[in-house]
C-alpha atoms as a PDB file:
ATOM      1  CA  MET A   1       7.485  -9.825   4.859  1.00  0.00           C
ATOM      2  CA  CYS A   2       4.752  -8.919   7.283  1.00  0.00           C
ATOM      3  CA  ARG A   3       2.199 -11.699   7.018  1.00  0.00           C
ATOM      4  CA  SER A   4      -0.731  -9.350   7.589  1.00  0.00           C
ATOM      5  CA  ILE A   5       0.031  -7.364   4.423  1.00  0.00           C
ATOM      6  CA  LYS A   6      -1.971  -8.896   1.592  1.00  0.00           C
ATOM      7  CA  THR A   7      -1.235  -8.798  -2.122  1.00  0.00           C
ATOM      8  CA  LEU A   8      -3.156  -5.904  -3.625  1.00  0.00           C
ATOM      9  CA  ARG A   9      -2.911  -6.597  -7.331  1.00  0.00           C
ATOM     10  CA  PRO A  10      -5.230  -8.596  -9.574  1.00  0.00           C
ATOM     11  CA  PRO A  11      -5.863 -11.453  -9.888  1.00  0.00           C
ATOM     12  CA  VAL A  12      -5.015 -12.052  -6.213  1.00  0.00           C
ATOM     13  CA  LEU A  13      -7.344  -9.208  -5.233  1.00  0.00           C
ATOM     14  CA  PRO A  14     -10.278  -9.607  -7.635  1.00  0.00           C
ATOM     15  CA  GLU A  15     -11.206  -5.919  -7.666  1.00  0.00           C
ATOM     16  CA  GLU A  16      -8.978  -2.849  -7.728  1.00  0.00           C
ATOM     17  CA  ALA A  17      -7.343  -2.091  -4.366  1.00  0.00           C
ATOM     18  CA  THR A  18      -9.087   0.691  -2.500  1.00  0.00           C
ATOM     19  CA  GLU A  19      -7.374   3.636  -0.863  1.00  0.00           C
ATOM     20  CA  GLU A  20      -8.244   1.983   2.461  1.00  0.00           C
ATOM     21  CA  ASP A  21      -6.544  -1.297   1.392  1.00  0.00           C
ATOM     22  CA  ILE A  22      -3.417   0.602   0.350  1.00  0.00           C
ATOM     23  CA  ARG A  23      -3.254   2.664   3.549  1.00  0.00           C
ATOM     24  CA  ALA A  24      -3.761  -0.440   5.722  1.00  0.00           C
ATOM     25  CA  ALA A  25      -0.851  -2.177   3.986  1.00  0.00           C
ATOM     26  CA  ALA A  26       1.331   0.922   4.406  1.00  0.00           C
ATOM     27  CA  LEU A  27       0.454   1.133   8.093  1.00  0.00           C
ATOM     28  CA  GLN A  28       1.327  -2.534   8.633  1.00  0.00           C
ATOM     29  CA  TYR A  29       4.657  -2.011   6.863  1.00  0.00           C
ATOM     30  CA  VAL A  30       5.563   1.015   9.007  1.00  0.00           C
ATOM     31  CA  ARG A  31       4.559  -0.841  12.163  1.00  0.00           C
ATOM     32  CA  LYS A  32       6.736  -3.805  11.206  1.00  0.00           C
ATOM     33  CA  VAL A  33       9.778  -1.743  10.253  1.00  0.00           C
ATOM     34  CA  SER A  34       9.564   0.643  13.221  1.00  0.00           C
ATOM     35  CA  GLY A  35       8.700  -2.017  15.769  1.00  0.00           C
ATOM     36  CA  PHE A  36       5.873   0.143  17.135  1.00  0.00           C
ATOM     37  CA  ARG A  37       2.187  -0.691  16.888  1.00  0.00           C
ATOM     38  CA  ALA A  38       1.431   2.923  17.761  1.00  0.00           C
ATOM     39  CA  PRO A  39       4.138   5.579  18.036  1.00  0.00           C
ATOM     40  CA  ALA A  40       4.760   7.747  21.062  1.00  0.00           C
ATOM     41  CA  ALA A  41       3.572  11.338  20.715  1.00  0.00           C
ATOM     42  CA  HIS A  42       7.074  12.549  19.831  1.00  0.00           C
ATOM     43  CA  ASN A  43       7.251  10.057  16.927  1.00  0.00           C
ATOM     44  CA  ARG A  44       3.690  10.474  15.621  1.00  0.00           C
ATOM     45  CA  GLU A  45       4.505  12.977  12.874  1.00  0.00           C
ATOM     46  CA  VAL A  46       7.337  10.983  11.320  1.00  0.00           C
ATOM     47  CA  PHE A  47       5.326   7.751  11.658  1.00  0.00           C
ATOM     48  CA  ASP A  48       2.314   9.312   9.874  1.00  0.00           C
ATOM     49  CA  ARG A  49       4.516  10.816   7.149  1.00  0.00           C
ATOM     50  CA  ALA A  50       6.042   7.396   6.510  1.00  0.00           C
ATOM     51  CA  VAL A  51       2.606   5.778   6.215  1.00  0.00           C
ATOM     52  CA  GLU A  52       1.504   8.430   3.712  1.00  0.00           C
ATOM     53  CA  ALA A  53       4.701   8.174   1.642  1.00  0.00           C
ATOM     54  CA  ILE A  54       4.456   4.392   1.478  1.00  0.00           C
ATOM     55  CA  ALA A  55       0.752   4.535   0.606  1.00  0.00           C
ATOM     56  CA  GLU A  56       1.516   6.948  -2.256  1.00  0.00           C
ATOM     57  CA  ALA A  57       4.349   4.753  -3.533  1.00  0.00           C
ATOM     58  CA  THR A  58       2.121   1.682  -3.314  1.00  0.00           C
ATOM     59  CA  ALA A  59      -0.690   3.356  -5.260  1.00  0.00           C
ATOM     60  CA  GLU A  60       1.813   4.436  -7.922  1.00  0.00           C
ATOM     61  CA  LEU A  61       3.226   0.914  -8.129  1.00  0.00           C
ATOM     62  CA  LEU A  62      -0.190  -0.705  -8.451  1.00  0.00           C
ATOM     63  CA  ASP A  63      -1.257   1.839 -11.061  1.00  0.00           C
ATOM     64  CA  GLY A  64       1.813   1.129 -13.175  1.00  0.00           C
ATOM     65  CA  LEU A  65       1.904  -2.673 -12.934  1.00  0.00           C
ATOM     66  CA  GLU A  66       0.939  -4.705 -15.952  1.00  0.00           C
ATOM     67  CA  VAL A  67      -0.303  -8.187 -15.214  1.00  0.00           C
ATOM     68  CA  ARG A  68      -0.190 -10.552 -18.161  1.00  0.00           C
ATOM     69  CA  GLY A  69      -3.634 -10.994 -19.623  1.00  0.00           C
ATOM     70  CA  GLN A  70      -4.943  -7.787 -18.039  1.00  0.00           C
ATOM     71  CA  ALA A  71      -4.745  -4.176 -19.178  1.00  0.00           C
ATOM     72  CA  SER A  72      -3.018  -1.686 -16.865  1.00  0.00           C
ATOM     73  CA  ALA A  73      -5.031   1.042 -15.173  1.00  0.00           C
ATOM     74  CA  ALA A  74      -3.414   3.597 -17.512  1.00  0.00           C
ATOM     75  CA  SER A  75      -4.488   1.562 -20.564  1.00  0.00           C
ATOM     76  CA  ARG A  76      -8.048   1.240 -19.293  1.00  0.00           C
ATOM     77  CA  ALA A  77      -8.286   4.978 -18.573  1.00  0.00           C
ATOM     78  CA  GLY A  78      -6.820   6.029 -21.925  1.00  0.00           C
END
């Protein structure tokens, strides 16, 4: 695991992860997997699409997780 990606769920992160937190984690993941800190121009589009897809999946995961002793986001909203 990339050491610079932090856990984004409570209680590790005391408040709800922000969109910025989620995108930063996704970017770090794509950088680690691709081996590029910044992609060349001809790889920029696929790199950016990967970051967005991973950020969306991460947000969905965090929204659906239930941590014992805490209500899920869906439960709180409902």
